[in-house]
Amino acid sequence: MSFRSTALDQRSLLALAVALTVVGCAKKEEPAATSPAATPEAPAASTALEGQVDIVAWPGYIERGETDKGYDWVTQFEQDTGCKVNVKTAGTSDEMVSLMTQGGYDLVTASGDASLRLIRGGTVQPVDVSRIPSYASVDERLREAPWHFVDGKHYGTPYQWGPNVLMYNTTVFKDAPTSWSVVFEEQQLPDGKSNKGRVQAYDGPIYIADAAMYLMAKRPELGIKDPYELNEAQYAAALDLLRKQHPLVQRYWHDANVQVQDFTSEGIVASGSWPFQVNTLVANEQPVASTVPAEGATGWADTTMLAANAKHPNCAYKWMEWSLSPKVQGDVAAWFGSVPAVPAACTGNALLGDTGCATNGFDNFDKIHFWRTPEAACAQGTCVPYSRWATDYVAIMGGR
């Protein structure tokens, strides 16, 4: 090493020592920064809108006027917020749970047979209703419904509700059927022909509840009080009924549009259905009507739920607020044949009309057995859980 470099190193060390001494003295004169208040606060979550929102929804639930220009509750939202709405339709609750579990979506319009599974699985997160001012306008019967209000937390915003109706061909049934027996038991229909191969059943394990509901009236000795809470004996009776129904069924449906085609051209004359299909067929001048038979009906009360890992939460909150506006609620109800979650939508809506809510069953809330995820713990003590329902119904549809 050269003398020059050695001298430079010594000067550098001396200068550094002086500088450290000065800094050290300066620090001693300052108060110690040990108070918690001196710790920087975490930055607040951004409220910037992300430019899009991705939603899993039932068919007909989110329309942008592509089928009928009069029914469009997406375009204005996109113009107002800059959040593009992307929709993936799903035909069953199981499909919705699968899609949400895979990820990539912000919101889902989940029915009660999916919502608890999404909550228990950590797939959706609680929502902050203070960010949804219109939540105060939700029907009080739905604000804390057990399929979305869990452990004191709101897991979404109610959207629409309604019954699973019995849809029938009016050329075959001059009078509305009075019992679900026309789809569950082989019999001669009013046109003198058998119902074999002319009826449909729903392609979803929750349909076991429809069989259980029918048995509540047909076989009261079984003691079924709730079609979603079945002990082993009650459950076995429901499965037996569904196995006997299998030879009658032309198709286990889950695609609403396919069912519309089946009633149009495949000779199907009776099936459990949604008001959406009924409205579509009637609009197409098909001989179709619907009824709720004497045994009652299962039904759905759907909730817009926020994914736990939503990539576009701010646009999602904007959509939840938008979805509760009376105009949107009334338009959806008019298109789908459902009942709004916001009672204010029942008056003054040009599409729904002032009698639309009554027609769609606003006063039948207490008569509907709303879809709910069957769980092992129940009022009877122990019931058959949904995992068994799913496995056994696949076997029934396969003829086993």
Protein backbone atom coordinates (compact mmCIF):
# COMPACT_ATOMS: atom_id res chain seq x y z
CA MET A 1 0.00 0.00 0.00
CA SER A 2 1.41 3.50 -0.84
CA PHE A 3 2.03 6.26 1.70
CA ARG A 4 -0.54 8.44 -0.10
CA SER A 5 -3.29 5.95 0.35
CA THR A 6 -2.31 5.40 3.98
CA ALA A 7 -2.43 9.11 4.68
CA LEU A 8 -5.81 9.45 3.00
CA ASP A 9 -7.18 6.58 5.03
CA GLN A 10 -5.95 8.16 8.26
CA ARG A 11 -7.51 11.52 7.38
CA SER A 12 -10.71 9.82 6.44
CA LEU A 13 -10.87 7.95 9.71
CA LEU A 14 -10.13 11.13 11.65
CA ALA A 15 -12.88 13.07 9.81
CA LEU A 16 -15.35 10.26 10.40
CA ALA A 17 -14.54 10.20 14.12
CA VAL A 18 -15.14 13.94 14.38
CA ALA A 19 -18.41 13.71 12.51
CA LEU A 20 -19.68 10.90 14.73
CA THR A 21 -18.78 12.91 17.82
CA VAL A 22 -20.74 15.93 16.60
CA VAL A 23 -23.78 13.83 15.70
CA GLY A 24 -23.63 12.06 19.01
CA CYS A 25 -23.64 15.33 20.91
CA ALA A 26 -26.53 16.64 18.87
CA LYS A 27 -28.58 13.56 19.59
CA LYS A 28 -28.07 13.86 23.34
CA GLU A 29 -29.70 17.30 23.25
CA GLU A 30 -32.87 15.95 21.54
CA PRO A 31 -35.71 14.24 23.48
CA ALA A 32 -35.84 10.47 23.11
CA ALA A 33 -38.34 9.38 20.47
CA THR A 34 -39.80 6.47 22.43
CA SER A 35 -43.47 7.51 22.47
CA PRO A 36 -45.87 5.28 20.46
CA ALA A 37 -47.21 8.44 18.83
CA ALA A 38 -43.93 8.78 17.00
CA THR A 39 -44.53 5.48 15.16
CA PRO A 40 -45.71 6.18 11.58
CA GLU A 41 -49.30 5.12 10.94
CA ALA A 42 -50.08 2.51 8.28
CA PRO A 43 -51.31 4.14 5.09
CA ALA A 44 -55.10 4.09 4.64
CA ALA A 45 -56.48 1.67 2.08
CA SER A 46 -56.92 3.27 -1.30
CA THR A 47 -60.45 4.23 -2.31
CA ALA A 48 -59.50 4.66 -5.96
CA LEU A 49 -61.80 2.84 -8.35
CA GLU A 50 -60.00 0.02 -10.15
CA GLY A 51 -61.77 0.25 -13.50
CA GLN A 52 -63.66 -3.05 -13.45
CA VAL A 53 -65.63 -5.50 -11.33
CA ASP A 54 -65.95 -9.23 -12.04
CA ILE A 55 -69.20 -10.88 -10.94
CA VAL A 56 -70.53 -14.46 -10.85
CA ALA A 57 -74.32 -14.25 -11.22
CA TRP A 58 -77.45 -16.22 -11.95
CA PRO A 59 -78.71 -15.93 -15.55
CA GLY A 60 -80.84 -12.83 -16.03
CA TYR A 61 -79.56 -11.10 -12.90
CA ILE A 62 -77.23 -8.58 -14.54
CA GLU A 63 -78.52 -7.23 -17.85
CA ARG A 64 -77.03 -4.56 -20.13
CA GLY A 65 -79.83 -4.42 -22.72
CA GLU A 66 -78.44 -7.04 -25.06
CA THR A 67 -81.63 -9.11 -24.97
CA ASP A 68 -84.07 -6.23 -24.52
CA LYS A 69 -82.91 -2.60 -24.61
CA GLY A 70 -85.48 -1.74 -21.96
CA TYR A 71 -83.66 -3.85 -19.40
CA ASP A 72 -80.22 -2.40 -18.75
CA TRP A 73 -78.87 -1.62 -15.31
CA VAL A 74 -75.19 -1.94 -16.26
CA THR A 75 -74.49 0.80 -18.82
CA GLN A 76 -75.35 3.72 -16.54
CA PHE A 77 -73.26 2.25 -13.72
CA GLU A 78 -70.25 1.93 -16.03
CA GLN A 79 -70.69 5.51 -17.24
CA ASP A 80 -71.03 6.89 -13.71
CA THR A 81 -68.12 5.00 -12.16
CA GLY A 82 -65.77 3.94 -14.94
CA CYS A 83 -66.00 0.39 -13.55
CA LYS A 84 -66.54 -2.09 -16.39
CA VAL A 85 -68.87 -4.92 -15.37
CA ASN A 86 -67.76 -8.42 -16.39
CA VAL A 87 -70.28 -11.20 -15.72
CA LYS A 88 -69.87 -14.98 -15.55
CA THR A 89 -73.23 -16.76 -15.33
CA ALA A 90 -73.64 -19.95 -13.30
CA GLY A 91 -76.58 -22.35 -13.36
CA THR A 92 -76.20 -23.94 -9.92
CA SER A 93 -74.99 -22.98 -6.48
CA ASP A 94 -72.32 -25.67 -6.65
CA GLU A 95 -70.95 -24.04 -9.79
CA MET A 96 -70.89 -20.68 -8.03
CA VAL A 97 -68.99 -22.08 -5.06
CA SER A 98 -66.50 -23.74 -7.40
CA LEU A 99 -65.91 -20.54 -9.39
CA MET A 100 -65.48 -18.40 -6.29
CA THR A 101 -63.13 -20.93 -4.72
CA GLN A 102 -60.96 -20.90 -7.85
CA GLY A 103 -60.67 -17.12 -7.54
CA GLY A 104 -60.61 -14.28 -10.03
CA TYR A 105 -64.02 -12.84 -9.18
CA ASP A 106 -65.00 -9.95 -6.91
CA LEU A 107 -68.70 -10.61 -6.28
CA VAL A 108 -71.21 -13.44 -6.44
CA THR A 109 -75.04 -13.40 -6.26
CA ALA A 110 -75.16 -16.41 -3.93
CA SER A 111 -78.28 -18.26 -2.87
CA GLY A 112 -78.69 -19.56 0.66
CA ASP A 113 -77.47 -23.05 -0.21
CA ALA A 114 -74.12 -21.53 -1.23
CA SER A 115 -73.69 -18.57 1.10
CA LEU A 116 -72.91 -20.50 4.28
CA ARG A 117 -70.41 -22.69 2.44
CA LEU A 118 -68.69 -19.56 1.12
CA ILE A 119 -68.63 -18.04 4.61
CA ARG A 120 -67.41 -21.17 6.42
CA GLY A 121 -64.74 -21.72 3.77
CA GLY A 122 -63.37 -18.19 4.09
CA THR A 123 -64.12 -17.58 0.41
CA VAL A 124 -66.03 -14.36 1.09
CA GLN A 125 -65.41 -11.56 3.57
CA PRO A 126 -67.65 -9.45 5.80
CA VAL A 127 -68.76 -6.19 4.22
CA ASP A 128 -68.70 -2.74 5.77
CA VAL A 129 -72.31 -1.62 5.48
CA SER A 130 -71.26 1.95 6.29
CA ARG A 131 -69.85 1.99 2.75
CA ILE A 132 -73.28 0.96 1.45
CA PRO A 133 -75.67 3.75 2.52
CA SER A 134 -78.67 2.14 0.84
CA TYR A 135 -78.42 -0.90 3.14
CA ALA A 136 -80.84 0.93 5.43
CA SER A 137 -83.52 0.58 2.73
CA VAL A 138 -83.32 -3.26 2.61
CA ASP A 139 -86.45 -5.20 3.58
CA GLU A 140 -86.24 -5.73 7.34
CA ARG A 141 -87.04 -9.41 6.80
CA LEU A 142 -83.72 -9.76 4.96
CA ARG A 143 -81.33 -7.39 6.75
CA GLU A 144 -80.09 -10.04 9.17
CA ALA A 145 -81.23 -13.24 7.47
CA PRO A 146 -79.31 -16.30 8.75
CA TRP A 147 -77.92 -17.25 5.34
CA HIS A 148 -75.76 -14.08 5.15
CA PHE A 149 -75.68 -12.52 8.65
CA VAL A 150 -73.37 -14.77 10.65
CA ASP A 151 -71.70 -14.21 14.04
CA GLY A 152 -72.90 -10.62 14.07
CA LYS A 153 -71.33 -9.82 10.69
CA HIS A 154 -72.86 -8.89 7.33
CA TYR A 155 -71.53 -11.05 4.52
CA GLY A 156 -73.10 -9.16 1.66
CA THR A 157 -76.12 -7.22 0.49
CA PRO A 158 -79.51 -8.87 -0.26
CA TYR A 159 -80.38 -8.75 -3.97
CA GLN A 160 -83.63 -10.54 -4.92
CA TRP A 161 -85.82 -13.37 -3.66
CA GLY A 162 -88.63 -15.61 -4.83
CA PRO A 163 -90.11 -19.13 -4.97
CA ASN A 164 -89.24 -22.16 -7.05
CA VAL A 165 -92.54 -22.41 -8.90
CA LEU A 166 -94.22 -25.34 -10.65
CA MET A 167 -94.21 -24.40 -14.34
CA TYR A 168 -96.75 -26.24 -16.49
CA ASN A 169 -98.13 -26.42 -20.02
CA THR A 170 -101.59 -24.89 -20.14
CA THR A 171 -102.73 -27.04 -23.08
CA VAL A 172 -102.20 -30.13 -20.91
CA PHE A 173 -103.34 -28.62 -17.61
CA LYS A 174 -106.49 -26.60 -18.18
CA ASP A 175 -106.47 -25.92 -14.45
CA ALA A 176 -103.30 -25.31 -12.48
CA PRO A 177 -101.90 -28.46 -10.81
CA THR A 178 -102.57 -28.45 -7.08
CA SER A 179 -99.75 -30.79 -6.04
CA TRP A 180 -96.07 -31.44 -6.76
CA SER A 181 -97.09 -35.07 -7.27
CA VAL A 182 -97.25 -34.38 -11.04
CA VAL A 183 -93.43 -34.35 -11.11
CA PHE A 184 -92.69 -36.80 -8.28
CA GLU A 185 -95.07 -39.71 -8.91
CA GLU A 186 -96.00 -41.52 -12.11
CA GLN A 187 -99.57 -40.71 -13.10
CA GLN A 188 -101.91 -40.00 -15.97
CA LEU A 189 -102.10 -36.30 -16.77
CA PRO A 190 -105.28 -34.46 -17.81
CA ASP A 191 -104.51 -35.11 -21.48
CA GLY A 192 -104.78 -38.86 -20.87
CA LYS A 193 -101.04 -39.50 -21.23
CA SER A 194 -98.48 -40.52 -18.62
CA ASN A 195 -96.09 -37.95 -17.17
CA LYS A 196 -93.19 -40.34 -17.81
CA GLY A 197 -90.50 -38.59 -19.84
CA ARG A 198 -92.47 -35.34 -19.82
CA VAL A 199 -91.25 -33.75 -16.59
CA GLN A 200 -87.97 -32.33 -15.37
CA ALA A 201 -86.11 -32.03 -12.05
CA TYR A 202 -83.44 -29.59 -10.94
CA ASP A 203 -79.80 -30.53 -11.38
CA GLY A 204 -78.61 -29.61 -7.90
CA PRO A 205 -78.35 -31.45 -4.56
CA ILE A 206 -80.52 -28.81 -2.92
CA TYR A 207 -83.44 -30.37 -4.86
CA ILE A 208 -83.50 -33.03 -2.14
CA ALA A 209 -85.24 -30.34 -0.07
CA ASP A 210 -88.07 -30.21 -2.65
CA ALA A 211 -88.63 -33.92 -2.11
CA ALA A 212 -88.52 -33.45 1.66
CA MET A 213 -91.00 -30.58 1.46
CA TYR A 214 -93.39 -32.76 -0.55
CA LEU A 215 -93.05 -35.52 2.06
CA MET A 216 -93.85 -33.06 4.87
CA ALA A 217 -97.42 -33.07 3.53
CA LYS A 218 -97.50 -36.52 1.91
CA ARG A 219 -96.08 -38.45 4.87
CA PRO A 220 -96.50 -36.43 8.07
CA GLU A 221 -95.52 -39.48 10.14
CA LEU A 222 -91.91 -38.83 9.12
CA GLY A 223 -91.96 -35.74 11.31
CA ILE A 224 -90.13 -33.45 8.87
CA LYS A 225 -90.29 -29.90 10.19
CA ASP A 226 -87.61 -28.30 8.02
CA PRO A 227 -86.68 -29.64 4.56
CA TYR A 228 -83.03 -28.62 5.13
CA GLU A 229 -82.77 -30.44 8.47
CA LEU A 230 -83.24 -34.16 7.91
CA ASN A 231 -82.33 -37.04 10.20
CA GLU A 232 -81.26 -40.35 8.69
CA ALA A 233 -84.79 -41.78 8.36
CA GLN A 234 -86.21 -38.59 6.84
CA TYR A 235 -83.28 -38.30 4.48
CA ALA A 236 -83.65 -41.93 3.36
CA ALA A 237 -87.34 -41.31 2.57
CA ALA A 238 -86.46 -38.28 0.44
CA LEU A 239 -83.84 -40.24 -1.50
CA ASP A 240 -86.29 -43.08 -2.06
CA LEU A 241 -88.83 -40.65 -3.55
CA LEU A 242 -86.17 -39.19 -5.86
CA ARG A 243 -85.05 -42.63 -7.04
CA LYS A 244 -88.65 -43.45 -7.95
CA GLN A 245 -88.89 -40.12 -9.76
CA HIS A 246 -85.82 -40.80 -11.91
CA PRO A 247 -87.63 -42.84 -14.65
CA LEU A 248 -90.07 -39.95 -15.12
CA VAL A 249 -87.41 -37.28 -15.70
CA GLN A 250 -86.56 -36.24 -19.26
CA ARG A 251 -83.72 -33.96 -18.08
CA TYR A 252 -82.15 -32.74 -14.86
CA TRP A 253 -81.96 -29.08 -15.78
CA HIS A 254 -79.60 -26.36 -14.61
CA ASP A 255 -79.44 -24.09 -17.67
CA ALA A 256 -82.48 -21.81 -17.68
CA ASN A 257 -82.28 -21.23 -21.43
CA VAL A 258 -82.14 -24.96 -22.15
CA GLN A 259 -85.27 -25.47 -20.07
CA VAL A 260 -86.99 -22.77 -22.10
CA GLN A 261 -86.13 -24.71 -25.25
CA ASP A 262 -87.34 -27.97 -23.72
CA PHE A 263 -90.74 -26.48 -22.93
CA THR A 264 -90.86 -25.01 -26.43
CA SER A 265 -89.93 -28.03 -28.52
CA GLU A 266 -89.23 -31.14 -26.43
CA GLY A 267 -92.70 -31.91 -25.11
CA ILE A 268 -91.96 -31.10 -21.45
CA VAL A 269 -95.18 -30.23 -19.64
CA ALA A 270 -94.26 -29.79 -15.95
CA SER A 271 -91.22 -28.95 -13.86
CA GLY A 272 -89.95 -26.98 -10.95
CA SER A 273 -88.63 -23.72 -12.37
CA TRP A 274 -87.86 -20.06 -11.79
CA PRO A 275 -90.10 -17.14 -12.72
CA PHE A 276 -87.41 -16.14 -15.24
CA GLN A 277 -88.19 -19.11 -17.49
CA VAL A 278 -91.93 -18.58 -17.07
CA ASN A 279 -91.65 -14.93 -18.09
CA THR A 280 -89.44 -15.79 -21.07
CA LEU A 281 -91.83 -18.43 -22.38
CA VAL A 282 -94.89 -16.26 -21.88
CA ALA A 283 -93.13 -13.42 -23.71
CA ASN A 284 -92.53 -15.88 -26.56
CA GLU A 285 -96.26 -16.70 -26.59
CA GLN A 286 -95.80 -20.26 -25.37
CA PRO A 287 -98.69 -22.00 -23.51
CA VAL A 288 -97.08 -21.82 -20.09
CA ALA A 289 -98.09 -20.69 -16.61
CA SER A 290 -96.88 -21.29 -13.06
CA THR A 291 -98.27 -22.01 -9.63
CA VAL A 292 -97.26 -22.77 -6.04
CA PRO A 293 -98.97 -26.07 -5.15
CA ALA A 294 -100.61 -26.90 -1.84
CA GLU A 295 -97.42 -28.32 -0.32
CA GLY A 296 -95.71 -24.93 -0.65
CA ALA A 297 -92.42 -24.16 -2.35
CA THR A 298 -88.74 -23.96 -1.77
CA GLY A 299 -87.18 -20.67 -2.77
CA TRP A 300 -84.12 -18.49 -2.91
CA ALA A 301 -83.04 -15.26 -1.29
CA ASP A 302 -79.85 -14.20 -3.00
CA THR A 303 -77.03 -12.13 -1.56
CA THR A 304 -74.31 -10.18 -3.36
CA MET A 305 -71.17 -11.33 -1.53
CA LEU A 306 -67.61 -9.94 -1.66
CA ALA A 307 -64.71 -12.31 -2.34
CA ALA A 308 -62.08 -12.54 0.39
CA ASN A 309 -59.36 -11.79 -2.16
CA ALA A 310 -61.30 -9.37 -4.36
CA LYS A 311 -58.97 -7.51 -6.72
CA HIS A 312 -61.42 -4.67 -7.32
CA PRO A 313 -63.05 -4.05 -3.92
CA ASN A 314 -63.86 -0.37 -4.46
CA CYS A 315 -65.71 -1.00 -7.71
CA ALA A 316 -67.38 -3.93 -5.94
CA TYR A 317 -68.64 -1.66 -3.15
CA LYS A 318 -69.90 0.80 -5.75
CA TRP A 319 -71.83 -2.04 -7.44
CA MET A 320 -73.36 -3.23 -4.15
CA GLU A 321 -74.61 0.28 -3.47
CA TRP A 322 -75.90 0.63 -7.05
CA SER A 323 -77.65 -2.74 -6.87
CA LEU A 324 -79.79 -1.54 -3.97
CA SER A 325 -81.19 1.50 -5.75
CA PRO A 326 -84.98 1.22 -6.18
CA LYS A 327 -84.68 1.60 -9.97
CA VAL A 328 -82.25 -1.31 -10.33
CA GLN A 329 -84.17 -3.45 -7.85
CA GLY A 330 -87.45 -2.90 -9.66
CA ASP A 331 -85.97 -3.51 -13.10
CA VAL A 332 -84.37 -6.79 -12.01
CA ALA A 333 -87.63 -7.95 -10.43
CA ALA A 334 -89.56 -7.12 -13.60
CA TRP A 335 -87.09 -9.01 -15.80
CA PHE A 336 -86.58 -12.05 -13.59
CA GLY A 337 -90.01 -12.33 -12.00
CA SER A 338 -88.51 -12.03 -8.54
CA VAL A 339 -89.21 -9.84 -5.51
CA PRO A 340 -86.98 -6.85 -4.76
CA ALA A 341 -84.88 -6.79 -1.59
CA VAL A 342 -85.78 -3.09 -1.34
CA PRO A 343 -89.53 -2.51 -0.79
CA ALA A 344 -89.31 1.02 -2.21
CA ALA A 345 -88.82 -0.61 -5.62
CA CYS A 346 -92.40 -1.86 -5.51
CA THR A 347 -93.89 1.51 -6.45
CA GLY A 348 -93.12 3.88 -9.27
CA ASN A 349 -91.12 1.48 -11.44
CA ALA A 350 -92.27 1.64 -15.05
CA LEU A 351 -91.16 -1.91 -15.84
CA LEU A 352 -92.40 -3.64 -12.68
CA GLY A 353 -95.60 -1.64 -12.21
CA ASP A 354 -97.26 -0.97 -8.89
CA THR A 355 -98.74 -4.49 -8.71
CA GLY A 356 -95.57 -6.33 -9.74
CA CYS A 357 -94.36 -7.10 -6.23
CA ALA A 358 -97.71 -8.56 -5.24
CA THR A 359 -97.80 -10.64 -8.43
CA ASN A 360 -94.29 -11.95 -7.80
CA GLY A 361 -95.13 -13.00 -4.24
CA PHE A 362 -94.13 -10.19 -1.88
CA ASP A 363 -96.66 -11.40 0.71
CA ASN A 364 -95.62 -15.08 0.46
CA PHE A 365 -92.30 -14.64 2.28
CA ASP A 366 -93.35 -16.73 5.27
CA LYS A 367 -94.64 -19.56 3.04
CA ILE A 368 -91.32 -20.17 1.30
CA HIS A 369 -88.69 -22.61 2.52
CA PHE A 370 -85.64 -20.61 1.50
CA TRP A 371 -82.57 -22.48 0.30
CA ARG A 372 -80.07 -23.00 3.09
CA THR A 373 -76.93 -25.11 3.33
CA PRO A 374 -77.78 -28.30 5.29
CA GLU A 375 -75.42 -28.70 8.25
CA ALA A 376 -74.77 -31.58 10.65
CA ALA A 377 -75.74 -29.55 13.72
CA CYS A 378 -79.48 -28.88 13.65
CA ALA A 379 -82.57 -28.48 15.81
CA GLN A 380 -82.99 -32.28 15.89
CA GLY A 381 -79.47 -32.63 17.26
CA THR A 382 -77.78 -34.27 14.27
CA CYS A 383 -78.78 -34.02 10.62
CA VAL A 384 -77.36 -35.18 7.30
CA PRO A 385 -74.83 -32.56 6.09
CA TYR A 386 -74.61 -31.12 2.59
CA SER A 387 -71.58 -33.23 1.68
CA ARG A 388 -73.84 -36.31 1.78
CA TRP A 389 -76.55 -34.51 -0.20
CA ALA A 390 -74.04 -33.72 -2.96
CA THR A 391 -72.71 -37.27 -3.23
CA ASP A 392 -76.07 -38.99 -3.08
CA TYR A 393 -77.81 -36.72 -5.57
CA VAL A 394 -75.13 -37.33 -8.20
CA ALA A 395 -75.85 -41.04 -7.78
CA ILE A 396 -79.61 -40.50 -8.13
CA MET A 397 -79.20 -38.53 -11.35
CA GLY A 398 -77.10 -41.41 -12.62
CA GLY A 399 -79.90 -43.87 -11.85
CA ARG A 400 -78.38 -45.31 -8.69
